[in-house]
């Protein structure tokens, strides 16, 4: 993910950019793993329930996050060799990952309040300009 001055991609009528939700993928993955252990492809498909379809989130990003979260102790994985097809790595949330998810939720709730305040002020300002 680009950092510094090149990070801003707004303006010129482009609208919302996928980079704006880059870090939001992590709590989404944690919540999906809180719901049930899953393999990477299943997680990629299930991200769509958060509006993060494959057009916004590529599989390499998901697998990179899973490896990072495993290194941090937020998730663990085991190989599933049952069933047909090749073995798949199945990820599951740890208690540390559960606590980290709860902190994400607290932060997201605070962000939601700030965004609602901003959007309310913007809407009120735009209504005043129309009158």
C-alpha atoms as a PDB file:
ATOM      1  CA  UNK A   1       0.000   0.000   0.000  1.00  0.00           C
ATOM      2  CA  UNK A   2       1.500   3.339  -0.996  1.00  0.00           C
ATOM      3  CA  UNK A   3       2.452   5.705   1.800  1.00  0.00           C
ATOM      4  CA  UNK A   4       3.159   9.413   1.976  1.00  0.00           C
ATOM      5  CA  UNK A   5       2.071  12.003  -0.581  1.00  0.00           C
ATOM      6  CA  UNK A   6       1.293   9.457  -3.293  1.00  0.00           C
ATOM      7  CA  UNK A   7      -1.342   7.846  -1.085  1.00  0.00           C
ATOM      8  CA  UNK A   8      -4.049  10.428  -1.864  1.00  0.00           C
ATOM      9  CA  UNK A   9      -5.961   9.371  -4.947  1.00  0.00           C
ATOM     10  CA  UNK A  10      -9.050  11.512  -4.541  1.00  0.00           C
ATOM     11  CA  UNK A  11     -10.221  14.319  -6.749  1.00  0.00           C
ATOM     12  CA  UNK A  12     -10.755  14.360 -10.467  1.00  0.00           C
ATOM     13  CA  UNK A  13     -14.198  12.773 -10.075  1.00  0.00           C
ATOM     14  CA  UNK A  14     -12.936   9.302  -9.271  1.00  0.00           C
ATOM     15  CA  UNK A  15     -15.054   8.798  -6.143  1.00  0.00           C
ATOM     16  CA  UNK A  16     -14.248   6.220  -3.490  1.00  0.00           C
ATOM     17  CA  UNK A  17     -11.074   4.247  -3.983  1.00  0.00           C
ATOM     18  CA  UNK A  18     -10.469   0.691  -2.768  1.00  0.00           C
ATOM     19  CA  UNK A  19      -7.343   1.805  -0.891  1.00  0.00           C
ATOM     20  CA  UNK A  20      -9.585   3.554   1.605  1.00  0.00           C
ATOM     21  CA  UNK A  21     -10.804   0.204   2.944  1.00  0.00           C
ATOM     22  CA  UNK A  22      -7.429  -1.542   2.874  1.00  0.00           C
ATOM     23  CA  UNK A  23      -7.096  -1.891   6.664  1.00  0.00           C
ATOM     24  CA  UNK A  24     -10.809  -2.687   7.077  1.00  0.00           C
ATOM     25  CA  UNK A  25     -10.168  -6.119   5.563  1.00  0.00           C
ATOM     26  CA  UNK A  26      -8.442  -7.234   8.768  1.00  0.00           C
ATOM     27  CA  UNK A  27     -11.413  -6.860  11.163  1.00  0.00           C
ATOM     28  CA  UNK A  28     -13.660  -8.391   8.517  1.00  0.00           C
ATOM     29  CA  UNK A  29     -11.439 -11.477   8.352  1.00  0.00           C
ATOM     30  CA  UNK A  30     -11.313 -11.666  12.142  1.00  0.00           C
ATOM     31  CA  UNK A  31     -15.107 -11.527  12.366  1.00  0.00           C
ATOM     32  CA  UNK A  32     -15.493 -14.213   9.692  1.00  0.00           C
ATOM     33  CA  UNK A  33     -13.088 -16.443  11.616  1.00  0.00           C
ATOM     34  CA  UNK A  34     -14.949 -15.677  14.840  1.00  0.00           C
ATOM     35  CA  UNK A  35     -18.049 -17.072  13.125  1.00  0.00           C
ATOM     36  CA  UNK A  36     -16.282 -20.277  12.047  1.00  0.00           C
ATOM     37  CA  UNK A  37     -12.862 -21.634  11.023  1.00  0.00           C
ATOM     38  CA  UNK A  38     -12.333 -21.225   7.280  1.00  0.00           C
ATOM     39  CA  UNK A  39      -9.864 -21.637   4.470  1.00  0.00           C
ATOM     40  CA  UNK A  40      -8.658 -18.693   2.416  1.00  0.00           C
ATOM     41  CA  UNK A  41     -10.932 -19.123  -0.583  1.00  0.00           C
ATOM     42  CA  UNK A  42     -14.007 -19.341   1.658  1.00  0.00           C
ATOM     43  CA  UNK A  43     -12.946 -16.153   3.447  1.00  0.00           C
ATOM     44  CA  UNK A  44     -12.471 -14.341   0.139  1.00  0.00           C
ATOM     45  CA  UNK A  45     -15.993 -15.295  -0.937  1.00  0.00           C
ATOM     46  CA  UNK A  46     -17.517 -14.342   2.423  1.00  0.00           C
ATOM     47  CA  UNK A  47     -15.917 -10.869   2.399  1.00  0.00           C
ATOM     48  CA  UNK A  48     -18.635  -9.860  -0.061  1.00  0.00           C
ATOM     49  CA  UNK A  49     -21.131  -9.620   2.831  1.00  0.00           C
ATOM     50  CA  UNK A  50     -19.175  -6.521   3.936  1.00  0.00           C
ATOM     51  CA  UNK A  51     -19.182  -5.017   0.450  1.00  0.00           C
ATOM     52  CA  UNK A  52     -15.646  -6.251  -0.165  1.00  0.00           C
ATOM     53  CA  UNK A  53     -16.018  -8.332  -3.281  1.00  0.00           C
ATOM     54  CA  UNK A  54     -13.164  -9.687  -5.339  1.00  0.00           C
ATOM     55  CA  UNK A  55     -13.092  -6.460  -7.373  1.00  0.00           C
ATOM     56  CA  UNK A  56     -12.000  -4.532  -4.246  1.00  0.00           C
ATOM     57  CA  UNK A  57      -9.921  -7.157  -2.431  1.00  0.00           C
ATOM     58  CA  UNK A  58      -7.611  -9.492  -4.266  1.00  0.00           C
ATOM     59  CA  UNK A  59      -6.717 -12.914  -2.933  1.00  0.00           C
ATOM     60  CA  UNK A  60      -3.050 -12.034  -2.386  1.00  0.00           C
ATOM     61  CA  UNK A  61      -4.103  -9.326   0.104  1.00  0.00           C
ATOM     62  CA  UNK A  62      -6.251 -11.812   2.031  1.00  0.00           C
ATOM     63  CA  UNK A  63      -3.495 -14.412   2.223  1.00  0.00           C
ATOM     64  CA  UNK A  64      -0.955 -11.753   3.229  1.00  0.00           C
ATOM     65  CA  UNK A  65      -3.227 -10.643   6.076  1.00  0.00           C
ATOM     66  CA  UNK A  66      -3.761 -14.233   7.174  1.00  0.00           C
ATOM     67  CA  UNK A  67       0.006 -14.846   7.319  1.00  0.00           C
ATOM     68  CA  UNK A  68       0.563 -11.587   9.220  1.00  0.00           C
ATOM     69  CA  UNK A  69      -2.234 -12.343  11.679  1.00  0.00           C
ATOM     70  CA  UNK A  70      -0.863 -15.840  12.225  1.00  0.00           C
ATOM     71  CA  UNK A  71       2.614 -14.423  12.925  1.00  0.00           C
ATOM     72  CA  UNK A  72       1.021 -12.020  15.446  1.00  0.00           C
ATOM     73  CA  UNK A  73      -0.837 -14.861  17.186  1.00  0.00           C
ATOM     74  CA  UNK A  74      -4.292 -13.626  16.183  1.00  0.00           C
ATOM     75  CA  UNK A  75      -5.084 -16.753  14.159  1.00  0.00           C
ATOM     76  CA  UNK A  76      -3.700 -20.273  13.877  1.00  0.00           C
ATOM     77  CA  UNK A  77      -3.909 -22.649  10.947  1.00  0.00           C
ATOM     78  CA  UNK A  78      -3.883 -26.358  10.297  1.00  0.00           C
ATOM     79  CA  UNK A  79      -3.916 -28.373   7.111  1.00  0.00           C
ATOM     80  CA  UNK A  80      -7.245 -29.986   6.217  1.00  0.00           C
ATOM     81  CA  UNK A  81      -6.456 -33.169   4.299  1.00  0.00           C
ATOM     82  CA  UNK A  82      -9.981 -34.613   4.451  1.00  0.00           C
ATOM     83  CA  UNK A  83     -12.326 -34.696   1.492  1.00  0.00           C
ATOM     84  CA  UNK A  84     -11.566 -34.498  -2.170  1.00  0.00           C
ATOM     85  CA  UNK A  85      -9.052 -32.140  -3.668  1.00  0.00           C
ATOM     86  CA  UNK A  86      -5.738 -30.890  -2.423  1.00  0.00           C
ATOM     87  CA  UNK A  87      -5.097 -30.126   1.265  1.00  0.00           C
ATOM     88  CA  UNK A  88      -6.217 -26.668   2.370  1.00  0.00           C
ATOM     89  CA  UNK A  89      -4.978 -24.499   5.190  1.00  0.00           C
ATOM     90  CA  UNK A  90      -7.845 -23.792   7.601  1.00  0.00           C
ATOM     91  CA  UNK A  91      -7.585 -20.726   9.817  1.00  0.00           C
ATOM     92  CA  UNK A  92      -9.155 -20.243  13.215  1.00  0.00           C
ATOM     93  CA  UNK A  93      -9.295 -17.302  15.597  1.00  0.00           C
ATOM     94  CA  UNK A  94      -7.275 -17.379  18.829  1.00  0.00           C
ATOM     95  CA  UNK A  95      -8.325 -15.757  22.109  1.00  0.00           C
ATOM     96  CA  UNK A  96      -5.793 -13.008  21.345  1.00  0.00           C
ATOM     97  CA  UNK A  97      -7.479 -12.521  17.952  1.00  0.00           C
ATOM     98  CA  UNK A  98     -10.865 -12.322  19.669  1.00  0.00           C
ATOM     99  CA  UNK A  99      -9.577  -9.533  21.951  1.00  0.00           C
ATOM    100  CA  UNK A 100      -8.034  -7.718  18.992  1.00  0.00           C
ATOM    101  CA  UNK A 101     -11.341  -7.919  17.108  1.00  0.00           C
ATOM    102  CA  UNK A 102     -13.130  -6.366  20.105  1.00  0.00           C
ATOM    103  CA  UNK A 103     -10.634  -3.459  20.054  1.00  0.00           C
ATOM    104  CA  UNK A 104     -11.241  -3.007  16.321  1.00  0.00           C
ATOM    105  CA  UNK A 105     -14.992  -2.856  16.957  1.00  0.00           C
ATOM    106  CA  UNK A 106     -14.524  -0.203  19.648  1.00  0.00           C
ATOM    107  CA  UNK A 107     -12.415   1.871  17.258  1.00  0.00           C
ATOM    108  CA  UNK A 108     -14.886   1.414  14.406  1.00  0.00           C
ATOM    109  CA  UNK A 109     -17.769   2.561  16.611  1.00  0.00           C
ATOM    110  CA  UNK A 110     -15.806   5.715  17.486  1.00  0.00           C
ATOM    111  CA  UNK A 111     -15.039   6.279  13.803  1.00  0.00           C
ATOM    112  CA  UNK A 112     -18.712   5.800  12.950  1.00  0.00           C
ATOM    113  CA  UNK A 113     -19.695   8.525  15.436  1.00  0.00           C
ATOM    114  CA  UNK A 114     -17.092  10.894  13.984  1.00  0.00           C
ATOM    115  CA  UNK A 115     -18.220  10.167  10.415  1.00  0.00           C
ATOM    116  CA  UNK A 116     -21.873  10.686  11.313  1.00  0.00           C
ATOM    117  CA  UNK A 117     -20.961  14.042  12.860  1.00  0.00           C
ATOM    118  CA  UNK A 118     -19.004  15.042   9.762  1.00  0.00           C
ATOM    119  CA  UNK A 119     -21.726  13.931   7.350  1.00  0.00           C
ATOM    120  CA  UNK A 120     -24.419  15.649   9.401  1.00  0.00           C
ATOM    121  CA  UNK A 121     -22.454  18.912   9.360  1.00  0.00           C
ATOM    122  CA  UNK A 122     -21.840  18.566   5.619  1.00  0.00           C
ATOM    123  CA  UNK A 123     -25.526  17.908   4.896  1.00  0.00           C
ATOM    124  CA  UNK A 124     -26.615  20.860   7.058  1.00  0.00           C
ATOM    125  CA  UNK A 125     -24.097  23.127   5.320  1.00  0.00           C
ATOM    126  CA  UNK A 126     -25.246  22.037   1.869  1.00  0.00           C
ATOM    127  CA  UNK A 127     -28.892  22.643   2.805  1.00  0.00           C
ATOM    128  CA  UNK A 128     -27.994  26.160   3.980  1.00  0.00           C
ATOM    129  CA  UNK A 129     -26.244  26.864   0.666  1.00  0.00           C
ATOM    130  CA  UNK A 130     -29.332  25.776  -1.269  1.00  0.00           C
ATOM    131  CA  UNK A 131     -31.556  28.191   0.643  1.00  0.00           C
END
